Amino acid sequence: MFDQSTINFPNGAKLDIMATNNAAAHPYIDHMTWNNQPYSKNYLMHEDLIKGGTIEFKMSKAPNLLRGTTQADRPYSMSDER
């Protein structure tokens, strides 16, 4: 577990990752922001990460049952194609 970490990419971009309220007793993501904007998806795209930015996780004791629950929050899956 970490409170903050920085990844420096070869392209010169920097990705800061922070976990607010981080503790063993807070294993769940209550909400997340990407570059100070709410982010509800359950995945991150590599192409976005290597551009750099800031990701902040707000951790919680209990799961947020409303976060990441819409169809748009799910990653692409070929099994969804019929």
C-alpha atoms as a PDB file:
ATOM      1  CA  MET A   1       0.000   0.000   0.000  1.00  0.00           C
ATOM      2  CA  PHE A   2       1.202   3.471  -0.784  1.00  0.00           C
ATOM      3  CA  ASP A   3      -0.078   6.985  -0.224  1.00  0.00           C
ATOM      4  CA  GLN A   4       1.623   8.485  -3.246  1.00  0.00           C
ATOM      5  CA  SER A   5       3.748   7.328  -6.153  1.00  0.00           C
ATOM      6  CA  THR A   6       5.127   8.942  -9.297  1.00  0.00           C
ATOM      7  CA  ILE A   7       5.908   7.213 -12.581  1.00  0.00           C
ATOM      8  CA  ASN A   8       8.243   9.011 -14.975  1.00  0.00           C
ATOM      9  CA  PHE A   9       7.795   7.829 -18.561  1.00  0.00           C
ATOM     10  CA  PRO A  10      10.529   7.805 -21.246  1.00  0.00           C
ATOM     11  CA  ASN A  11       8.497  10.378 -23.223  1.00  0.00           C
ATOM     12  CA  GLY A  12       9.001  12.883 -20.376  1.00  0.00           C
ATOM     13  CA  ALA A  13       5.437  12.609 -19.030  1.00  0.00           C
ATOM     14  CA  LYS A  14       4.856  12.084 -15.324  1.00  0.00           C
ATOM     15  CA  LEU A  15       1.972  10.182 -13.714  1.00  0.00           C
ATOM     16  CA  ASP A  16       1.210  10.960 -10.061  1.00  0.00           C
ATOM     17  CA  ILE A  17      -0.929   8.422  -8.190  1.00  0.00           C
ATOM     18  CA  MET A  18      -2.335   9.266  -4.777  1.00  0.00           C
ATOM     19  CA  ALA A  19      -4.471   7.295  -2.350  1.00  0.00           C
ATOM     20  CA  THR A  20      -6.311   9.473   0.160  1.00  0.00           C
ATOM     21  CA  ASN A  21      -7.521   7.824   3.380  1.00  0.00           C
ATOM     22  CA  ASN A  22      -5.297   4.849   2.578  1.00  0.00           C
ATOM     23  CA  ALA A  23      -5.125   2.156   5.268  1.00  0.00           C
ATOM     24  CA  ALA A  24      -5.527  -1.585   5.655  1.00  0.00           C
ATOM     25  CA  ALA A  25      -8.978  -0.878   7.093  1.00  0.00           C
ATOM     26  CA  HIS A  26      -9.925   1.060   3.920  1.00  0.00           C
ATOM     27  CA  PRO A  27      -9.510  -1.439   1.055  1.00  0.00           C
ATOM     28  CA  TYR A  28     -12.242  -0.044  -1.224  1.00  0.00           C
ATOM     29  CA  ILE A  29     -12.250   2.801  -3.732  1.00  0.00           C
ATOM     30  CA  ASP A  30     -14.969   5.250  -2.743  1.00  0.00           C
ATOM     31  CA  HIS A  31     -14.284   7.503  -5.708  1.00  0.00           C
ATOM     32  CA  MET A  32     -11.520   8.294  -8.147  1.00  0.00           C
ATOM     33  CA  THR A  33     -10.411  11.346 -10.084  1.00  0.00           C
ATOM     34  CA  TRP A  34      -8.310  11.586 -13.236  1.00  0.00           C
ATOM     35  CA  ASN A  35      -6.720  15.027 -13.658  1.00  0.00           C
ATOM     36  CA  ASN A  36      -9.152  16.428 -11.061  1.00  0.00           C
ATOM     37  CA  GLN A  37     -12.212  15.126 -12.952  1.00  0.00           C
ATOM     38  CA  PRO A  38     -14.471  12.349 -11.583  1.00  0.00           C
ATOM     39  CA  TYR A  39     -13.581   8.988 -13.134  1.00  0.00           C
ATOM     40  CA  SER A  40     -16.022   6.092 -12.741  1.00  0.00           C
ATOM     41  CA  LYS A  41     -14.643   3.561 -15.216  1.00  0.00           C
ATOM     42  CA  ASN A  42     -13.236   0.281 -13.935  1.00  0.00           C
ATOM     43  CA  TYR A  43     -10.181   0.438 -16.166  1.00  0.00           C
ATOM     44  CA  LEU A  44      -7.453   2.798 -17.372  1.00  0.00           C
ATOM     45  CA  MET A  45      -6.160   2.931 -20.933  1.00  0.00           C
ATOM     46  CA  HIS A  46      -2.413   2.634 -21.515  1.00  0.00           C
ATOM     47  CA  GLU A  47      -2.560   5.399 -24.131  1.00  0.00           C
ATOM     48  CA  ASP A  48      -3.972   7.761 -21.492  1.00  0.00           C
ATOM     49  CA  LEU A  49      -1.556   6.742 -18.739  1.00  0.00           C
ATOM     50  CA  ILE A  50       1.560   7.420 -20.802  1.00  0.00           C
ATOM     51  CA  LYS A  51       0.373  10.990 -21.412  1.00  0.00           C
ATOM     52  CA  GLY A  52       0.861  11.583 -17.692  1.00  0.00           C
ATOM     53  CA  GLY A  53      -1.425  13.309 -15.246  1.00  0.00           C
ATOM     54  CA  THR A  54      -2.803  12.750 -11.787  1.00  0.00           C
ATOM     55  CA  ILE A  55      -4.904   9.888 -10.475  1.00  0.00           C
ATOM     56  CA  GLU A  56      -6.387  10.139  -7.007  1.00  0.00           C
ATOM     57  CA  PHE A  57      -8.150   7.316  -5.211  1.00  0.00           C
ATOM     58  CA  LYS A  58     -10.310   8.143  -2.182  1.00  0.00           C
ATOM     59  CA  MET A  59     -10.306   4.940  -0.137  1.00  0.00           C
ATOM     60  CA  SER A  60     -13.094   3.721   2.145  1.00  0.00           C
ATOM     61  CA  LYS A  61     -14.028   1.034   4.684  1.00  0.00           C
ATOM     62  CA  ALA A  62     -17.024  -0.042   2.615  1.00  0.00           C
ATOM     63  CA  PRO A  63     -17.479  -0.430  -1.132  1.00  0.00           C
ATOM     64  CA  ASN A  64     -19.242   2.322  -3.047  1.00  0.00           C
ATOM     65  CA  LEU A  65     -21.989   0.266  -4.674  1.00  0.00           C
ATOM     66  CA  LEU A  66     -22.804   3.067  -7.128  1.00  0.00           C
ATOM     67  CA  ARG A  67     -19.283   3.572  -8.508  1.00  0.00           C
ATOM     68  CA  GLY A  68     -18.434   1.926 -11.825  1.00  0.00           C
ATOM     69  CA  THR A  69     -21.805   0.276 -12.310  1.00  0.00           C
ATOM     70  CA  THR A  70     -22.954   1.642 -15.673  1.00  0.00           C
ATOM     71  CA  GLN A  71     -22.391  -0.074 -19.009  1.00  0.00           C
ATOM     72  CA  ALA A  72     -20.007   2.745 -19.983  1.00  0.00           C
ATOM     73  CA  ASP A  73     -17.825   1.997 -16.929  1.00  0.00           C
ATOM     74  CA  ARG A  74     -17.079  -1.534 -18.101  1.00  0.00           C
ATOM     75  CA  PRO A  75     -14.059  -2.330 -20.259  1.00  0.00           C
ATOM     76  CA  TYR A  76     -14.579  -3.512 -23.808  1.00  0.00           C
ATOM     77  CA  SER A  77     -15.201  -7.241 -24.115  1.00  0.00           C
ATOM     78  CA  MET A  78     -15.452  -9.270 -27.302  1.00  0.00           C
ATOM     79  CA  SER A  79     -17.864 -11.577 -25.484  1.00  0.00           C
ATOM     80  CA  ASP A  80     -20.391  -8.713 -25.526  1.00  0.00           C
ATOM     81  CA  GLU A  81     -20.506  -8.916 -29.318  1.00  0.00           C
ATOM     82  CA  ARG A  82     -23.216 -11.251 -30.539  1.00  0.00           C
END
